[in-house]
Amino acid sequence: MSNQLARPHHISSLNLLRGIAALSVCGFHFLSNVDVYSVKTIFSYGYLGLGLFFIISGFIIPYSMFQNKYEIQRFPKYLLKRSVRIEPPYIISFLLIILVTMIHMSINNWQYIHDWKQFGLHFFYLNQYFGYESYSIVYWTLAIEFQFYIIIGILFPLVVHAKKIYPIILFITSSAIIWYLNLHYNWFIFQYGYLFIAGILIFLFTVKHISLKAFILFLSIVLCLAYFKNGVDVFLLILLATVAIISIKREWKITNFFGQISYSLYLTHMEAASWFILYTRDSFSNSLTLNIAAILFAVAFAIGFYYLFERPAFQLSKKIKY
């Protein structure tokens, strides 16, 4: 790793974008099917919040590794740090789903049959690979994220190598693999690879490892590939996210707050809002107010989840140095 790279500090735009990403996914799940056409149309694009999360990860994970002077021999500690950060909230979230499901079925005098293999596979994000449903439909994305953690942990020394030929070869090779591989949409990272690569390019430009001209060139290539591989919506997402990460320098308390709870909100919103709808739907006159109330409940639930479970895990992960 080159010792001449600049070491920037806090990135102001990330909490804002994390909050937008989490709320967009919530809106997609609960407002894209309401009776109001304008609301339905807007939030039908909320699924792009997931892609925004991937771009952010592509940027912030190598950025954090760079700040911590990561080297390949520190891979086990790096992976432990990432696991401590994301695993406890994830595990607690699906344990809560099991508990609430058991209570619900007990109230209705239904028998609850627990599949221990399905339960065990959740700890390693392996359900979809063995034909088992996840307790929550959002969990498959964590498998994609963890694949990225492993790949970037192995390849990071090449990404920031002082000899620029190595990052260029890596860029060409990875872009080609992503282009030609057509695997199951929700199983492997390749379908979303250009989102992660875009994040990595933003990182390299931010730490001044590549020039503005090189950044524009490589990003243009990624944008073209993403357009033909994933469509115009992903093309525009990458373009707008790039501009936002680089140009937004301000912070606001409300956006910082939603950024902080974004992981908790993403993990729990589907079940929290769904249970709310199940038990309160007779109290609302239309689907729009019901679903808005459900999202607000999911946000309130995520706040409690963050302070009880995610923040302690985050603080514990900060103690692991590599």
Protein backbone atom coordinates (compact mmCIF):
# COMPACT_ATOMS: atom_id res chain seq x y z
CA MET A 1 0.00 0.00 0.00
CA SER A 2 1.30 3.40 -0.90
CA ASN A 3 2.26 5.62 2.04
CA GLN A 4 1.59 8.72 -0.05
CA LEU A 5 -2.18 8.35 -0.15
CA ALA A 6 -4.19 11.07 1.53
CA ARG A 7 -6.17 10.07 4.61
CA PRO A 8 -9.44 12.01 4.65
CA HIS A 9 -11.75 12.08 7.60
CA HIS A 10 -15.49 12.01 8.13
CA ILE A 11 -17.75 11.65 5.08
CA SER A 12 -20.75 13.89 5.69
CA SER A 13 -23.03 12.44 3.02
CA LEU A 14 -23.20 8.83 4.23
CA ASN A 15 -25.75 9.07 7.04
CA LEU A 16 -28.07 11.03 4.77
CA LEU A 17 -27.78 8.38 2.04
CA ARG A 18 -28.16 5.48 4.48
CA GLY A 19 -31.35 7.05 5.83
CA ILE A 20 -32.70 7.59 2.32
CA ALA A 21 -31.86 4.00 1.40
CA ALA A 22 -33.62 2.50 4.44
CA LEU A 23 -36.72 4.68 4.08
CA SER A 24 -36.87 3.96 0.35
CA VAL A 25 -36.94 0.21 0.97
CA CYS A 26 -39.66 0.71 3.60
CA GLY A 27 -41.68 2.76 1.14
CA PHE A 28 -41.24 0.14 -1.57
CA HIS A 29 -42.53 -2.63 0.68
CA PHE A 30 -45.51 -0.74 2.10
CA LEU A 31 -46.41 2.17 -0.18
CA SER A 32 -45.85 0.82 -3.70
CA ASN A 33 -49.21 -0.98 -3.65
CA VAL A 34 -51.49 1.63 -2.10
CA ASP A 35 -54.53 3.05 -3.88
CA VAL A 36 -53.08 6.55 -4.40
CA TYR A 37 -51.47 6.55 -7.85
CA SER A 38 -48.85 9.26 -7.23
CA VAL A 39 -47.61 7.62 -4.01
CA LYS A 40 -47.64 4.20 -5.64
CA THR A 41 -45.61 5.46 -8.60
CA ILE A 42 -42.97 7.23 -6.50
CA PHE A 43 -42.35 4.36 -4.13
CA SER A 44 -42.36 1.72 -6.85
CA TYR A 45 -38.73 2.81 -7.29
CA GLY A 46 -37.96 2.33 -3.59
CA TYR A 47 -36.17 -0.93 -4.33
CA LEU A 48 -33.25 1.21 -5.53
CA GLY A 49 -32.54 1.92 -1.87
CA LEU A 50 -31.06 -1.56 -1.75
CA GLY A 51 -28.67 -0.68 -4.58
CA LEU A 52 -27.76 2.51 -2.72
CA PHE A 53 -26.78 0.40 0.30
CA PHE A 54 -24.48 -1.65 -1.95
CA ILE A 55 -22.81 1.48 -3.36
CA ILE A 56 -22.30 2.81 0.17
CA SER A 57 -20.74 -0.50 1.24
CA GLY A 58 -18.51 -0.47 -1.82
CA PHE A 59 -17.25 2.92 -0.67
CA ILE A 60 -17.19 2.78 3.13
CA ILE A 61 -15.75 -0.72 3.69
CA PRO A 62 -12.50 -0.11 1.77
CA TYR A 63 -12.46 3.45 3.16
CA SER A 64 -12.54 2.05 6.70
CA MET A 65 -9.90 -0.55 5.83
CA PHE A 66 -7.72 2.23 4.44
CA GLN A 67 -8.15 4.34 7.56
CA ASN A 68 -7.18 1.33 9.70
CA LYS A 69 -4.10 0.58 7.54
CA TYR A 70 -5.42 -2.84 6.59
CA GLU A 71 -3.03 -5.54 5.40
CA ILE A 72 -3.87 -9.05 4.24
CA GLN A 73 -2.46 -10.72 7.36
CA ARG A 74 -5.15 -8.87 9.34
CA PHE A 75 -7.96 -10.52 7.38
CA PRO A 76 -9.19 -12.68 10.34
CA LYS A 77 -9.47 -9.66 12.66
CA TYR A 78 -11.10 -7.60 9.94
CA LEU A 79 -13.71 -10.31 9.34
CA LEU A 80 -14.27 -10.65 13.09
CA LYS A 81 -14.81 -6.90 13.36
CA ARG A 82 -17.37 -6.93 10.53
CA SER A 83 -19.12 -9.97 12.06
CA VAL A 84 -19.36 -8.39 15.50
CA ARG A 85 -20.79 -5.27 13.88
CA ILE A 86 -23.57 -6.92 11.87
CA GLU A 87 -24.21 -10.39 13.30
CA PRO A 88 -25.67 -9.69 16.80
CA PRO A 89 -28.45 -7.36 15.55
CA TYR A 90 -29.21 -9.79 12.72
CA ILE A 91 -29.39 -12.82 15.03
CA ILE A 92 -31.53 -10.97 17.56
CA SER A 93 -33.87 -9.83 14.78
CA PHE A 94 -34.66 -13.36 13.62
CA LEU A 95 -34.93 -14.64 17.20
CA LEU A 96 -37.55 -11.93 17.77
CA ILE A 97 -39.37 -13.03 14.61
CA ILE A 98 -39.49 -16.60 15.93
CA LEU A 99 -40.70 -15.44 19.35
CA VAL A 100 -43.46 -13.20 17.97
CA THR A 101 -44.54 -15.93 15.54
CA MET A 102 -44.80 -18.44 18.39
CA ILE A 103 -46.86 -15.99 20.46
CA HIS A 104 -49.14 -15.24 17.52
CA MET A 105 -49.73 -18.92 16.80
CA SER A 106 -50.29 -19.66 20.47
CA ILE A 107 -52.95 -16.93 20.66
CA ASN A 108 -54.75 -18.53 17.72
CA ASN A 109 -54.25 -22.07 19.09
CA TRP A 110 -52.16 -23.06 16.08
CA GLN A 111 -49.31 -25.54 16.27
CA TYR A 112 -45.84 -24.13 15.69
CA ILE A 113 -43.37 -26.54 14.06
CA HIS A 114 -39.78 -25.34 14.17
CA ASP A 115 -37.27 -26.44 11.51
CA TRP A 116 -33.87 -26.57 13.18
CA LYS A 117 -31.99 -26.85 9.89
CA GLN A 118 -33.65 -23.67 8.64
CA PHE A 119 -32.75 -22.06 11.97
CA GLY A 120 -29.09 -23.11 11.79
CA LEU A 121 -28.62 -21.99 8.21
CA HIS A 122 -29.63 -18.45 9.20
CA PHE A 123 -26.40 -18.00 11.15
CA PHE A 124 -24.37 -18.22 7.94
CA TYR A 125 -26.84 -16.63 5.47
CA LEU A 126 -27.17 -19.99 3.72
CA ASN A 127 -30.94 -20.53 3.57
CA GLN A 128 -31.42 -19.64 -0.06
CA TYR A 129 -28.54 -21.89 -1.13
CA PHE A 130 -30.18 -24.94 0.46
CA GLY A 131 -33.76 -24.26 -0.58
CA TYR A 132 -35.01 -22.85 2.73
CA GLU A 133 -36.96 -19.64 3.15
CA SER A 134 -35.53 -16.90 5.33
CA TYR A 135 -37.46 -15.64 8.34
CA SER A 136 -37.48 -12.23 6.67
CA ILE A 137 -37.41 -11.45 2.95
CA VAL A 138 -34.65 -8.86 3.46
CA TYR A 139 -32.06 -11.29 4.83
CA TRP A 140 -30.77 -12.46 1.44
CA THR A 141 -29.04 -9.11 0.99
CA LEU A 142 -26.84 -9.78 4.02
CA ALA A 143 -25.39 -12.76 2.18
CA ILE A 144 -24.48 -10.44 -0.71
CA GLU A 145 -22.90 -7.95 1.70
CA PHE A 146 -20.85 -10.64 3.42
CA GLN A 147 -19.59 -11.93 0.07
CA PHE A 148 -18.32 -8.42 -0.57
CA TYR A 149 -16.61 -8.30 2.84
CA ILE A 150 -14.71 -11.48 2.00
CA ILE A 151 -13.79 -10.43 -1.54
CA ILE A 152 -12.60 -6.93 -0.60
CA GLY A 153 -10.73 -8.32 2.40
CA ILE A 154 -8.71 -10.53 0.07
CA LEU A 155 -8.29 -8.09 -2.82
CA PHE A 156 -7.87 -4.78 -0.98
CA PRO A 157 -4.03 -4.75 -1.22
CA LEU A 158 -4.41 -4.91 -5.01
CA VAL A 159 -7.11 -2.23 -5.05
CA VAL A 160 -4.73 0.32 -3.46
CA HIS A 161 -1.47 -1.04 -4.84
CA ALA A 162 1.14 1.61 -5.62
CA LYS A 163 1.69 0.13 -9.08
CA LYS A 164 -1.44 1.28 -10.89
CA ILE A 165 -1.35 -1.66 -13.31
CA TYR A 166 -2.66 -3.99 -10.58
CA PRO A 167 -5.86 -2.04 -9.82
CA ILE A 168 -6.46 -1.62 -13.57
CA ILE A 169 -6.13 -5.36 -14.23
CA LEU A 170 -8.40 -6.04 -11.25
CA PHE A 171 -10.97 -3.56 -12.56
CA ILE A 172 -10.99 -5.07 -16.06
CA THR A 173 -11.13 -8.66 -14.77
CA SER A 174 -13.91 -8.06 -12.24
CA SER A 175 -15.96 -6.02 -14.72
CA ALA A 176 -15.69 -8.81 -17.30
CA ILE A 177 -16.66 -11.52 -14.80
CA ILE A 178 -19.71 -9.53 -13.69
CA TRP A 179 -20.72 -8.97 -17.32
CA TYR A 180 -20.55 -12.61 -18.39
CA LEU A 181 -21.84 -14.36 -15.27
CA ASN A 182 -25.61 -14.77 -15.08
CA LEU A 183 -26.28 -16.51 -11.80
CA HIS A 184 -29.40 -16.61 -9.65
CA TYR A 185 -30.50 -13.01 -9.06
CA ASN A 186 -30.55 -13.12 -5.26
CA TRP A 187 -27.74 -15.56 -4.64
CA PHE A 188 -24.40 -14.04 -5.53
CA ILE A 189 -22.72 -10.67 -5.63
CA PHE A 190 -22.14 -10.61 -9.39
CA GLN A 191 -25.60 -9.32 -10.29
CA TYR A 192 -24.87 -6.25 -8.14
CA GLY A 193 -21.14 -6.07 -8.85
CA TYR A 194 -21.15 -2.75 -10.69
CA LEU A 195 -22.76 -1.06 -7.68
CA PHE A 196 -19.91 -2.22 -5.44
CA ILE A 197 -17.29 -1.31 -8.05
CA ALA A 198 -18.76 2.19 -8.31
CA GLY A 199 -18.38 2.56 -4.54
CA ILE A 200 -14.77 1.39 -4.72
CA LEU A 201 -14.01 3.92 -7.47
CA ILE A 202 -15.48 6.71 -5.33
CA PHE A 203 -13.24 5.54 -2.49
CA LEU A 204 -10.12 5.56 -4.68
CA PHE A 205 -10.91 9.05 -5.91
CA THR A 206 -11.69 10.29 -2.38
CA VAL A 207 -8.32 9.13 -1.02
CA LYS A 208 -6.59 10.53 -4.12
CA HIS A 209 -5.34 7.17 -5.34
CA ILE A 210 -6.69 7.93 -8.82
CA SER A 211 -6.90 11.23 -10.64
CA LEU A 212 -10.10 12.98 -11.65
CA LYS A 213 -9.56 11.98 -15.30
CA ALA A 214 -9.03 8.31 -14.38
CA PHE A 215 -12.05 8.39 -12.08
CA ILE A 216 -14.31 9.81 -14.80
CA LEU A 217 -12.99 7.26 -17.32
CA PHE A 218 -13.50 4.20 -15.10
CA LEU A 219 -16.83 5.41 -13.75
CA SER A 220 -18.04 6.01 -17.31
CA ILE A 221 -17.15 2.41 -18.16
CA VAL A 222 -19.04 1.15 -15.10
CA LEU A 223 -22.05 3.31 -15.98
CA CYS A 224 -22.16 1.91 -19.51
CA LEU A 225 -21.82 -1.68 -18.31
CA ALA A 226 -24.46 -1.15 -15.61
CA TYR A 227 -26.84 0.39 -18.15
CA PHE A 228 -26.72 -2.63 -20.44
CA LYS A 229 -26.51 -5.22 -17.65
CA ASN A 230 -28.92 -3.80 -15.05
CA GLY A 231 -30.92 -1.07 -16.80
CA VAL A 232 -31.36 2.69 -16.80
CA ASP A 233 -32.55 2.80 -13.18
CA VAL A 234 -29.25 1.38 -11.90
CA PHE A 235 -27.33 3.66 -14.27
CA LEU A 236 -29.05 6.72 -12.78
CA LEU A 237 -28.66 5.39 -9.23
CA ILE A 238 -24.89 5.04 -9.61
CA LEU A 239 -24.61 8.49 -11.18
CA LEU A 240 -26.69 10.25 -8.52
CA ALA A 241 -25.09 8.36 -5.62
CA THR A 242 -21.62 9.26 -6.89
CA VAL A 243 -22.48 12.94 -7.09
CA ALA A 244 -24.09 12.85 -3.64
CA ILE A 245 -21.21 11.08 -1.86
CA ILE A 246 -18.62 13.42 -3.34
CA SER A 247 -20.48 16.74 -3.22
CA ILE A 248 -22.66 16.73 -0.08
CA LYS A 249 -20.65 18.31 2.73
CA ARG A 250 -23.41 19.25 5.18
CA GLU A 251 -25.04 17.23 7.91
CA TRP A 252 -28.40 17.48 9.64
CA LYS A 253 -29.45 15.93 12.94
CA ILE A 254 -32.51 14.25 11.47
CA THR A 255 -30.61 12.66 8.58
CA ASN A 256 -27.78 11.60 10.88
CA PHE A 257 -30.34 9.98 13.13
CA PHE A 258 -31.97 8.01 10.31
CA GLY A 259 -28.53 7.06 9.06
CA GLN A 260 -27.63 5.70 12.47
CA ILE A 261 -30.74 3.54 12.74
CA SER A 262 -30.77 2.53 9.05
CA TYR A 263 -29.44 -0.99 9.65
CA SER A 264 -31.92 -1.63 12.47
CA LEU A 265 -34.72 -0.22 10.34
CA TYR A 266 -33.72 -2.36 7.38
CA LEU A 267 -33.51 -5.51 9.50
CA THR A 268 -36.83 -5.10 11.30
CA HIS A 269 -39.14 -2.93 9.21
CA MET A 270 -40.75 -5.75 7.24
CA GLU A 271 -41.91 -7.72 10.25
CA ALA A 272 -42.62 -4.74 12.53
CA ALA A 273 -44.84 -3.05 9.94
CA SER A 274 -46.49 -6.32 8.89
CA TRP A 275 -47.44 -7.24 12.46
CA PHE A 276 -48.76 -3.71 12.98
CA ILE A 277 -50.96 -4.02 9.88
CA LEU A 278 -52.19 -7.45 10.92
CA TYR A 279 -53.42 -6.29 14.31
CA THR A 280 -54.63 -2.74 13.50
CA ARG A 281 -55.97 -2.84 9.93
CA ASP A 282 -59.61 -2.71 11.07
CA SER A 283 -58.91 0.64 12.73
CA PHE A 284 -57.98 2.46 9.50
CA SER A 285 -60.27 3.63 6.73
CA ASN A 286 -57.83 3.23 3.82
CA SER A 287 -54.61 1.49 2.86
CA LEU A 288 -52.52 4.66 2.60
CA THR A 289 -53.01 5.81 6.21
CA LEU A 290 -52.65 2.22 7.43
CA ASN A 291 -49.33 1.72 5.67
CA ILE A 292 -47.97 5.13 6.67
CA ALA A 293 -48.85 4.32 10.28
CA ALA A 294 -47.16 0.94 9.87
CA ILE A 295 -43.95 2.59 8.63
CA LEU A 296 -43.99 5.02 11.54
CA PHE A 297 -44.39 2.08 13.91
CA ALA A 298 -41.48 0.32 12.17
CA VAL A 299 -39.32 3.43 12.65
CA ALA A 300 -40.23 3.58 16.36
CA PHE A 301 -39.45 -0.12 16.72
CA ALA A 302 -36.11 0.35 14.92
CA ILE A 303 -35.16 3.16 17.32
CA GLY A 304 -35.63 0.85 20.30
CA PHE A 305 -33.85 -1.98 18.48
CA TYR A 306 -30.91 0.29 17.69
CA TYR A 307 -30.36 1.42 21.28
CA LEU A 308 -30.91 -2.02 22.79
CA PHE A 309 -29.01 -4.19 20.32
CA GLU A 310 -27.27 -2.50 17.40
CA ARG A 311 -25.41 0.26 19.22
CA PRO A 312 -23.86 -2.12 21.79
CA ALA A 313 -22.68 -4.35 18.92
CA PHE A 314 -21.25 -1.32 17.12
CA GLN A 315 -19.40 -0.16 20.25
CA LEU A 316 -18.03 -3.67 20.77
CA SER A 317 -16.81 -3.85 17.16
CA LYS A 318 -14.91 -0.56 17.62
CA LYS A 319 -12.78 -2.26 20.27
CA ILE A 320 -11.44 -4.71 17.69
CA LYS A 321 -8.38 -3.10 16.10
CA TYR A 322 -6.58 -4.37 13.03
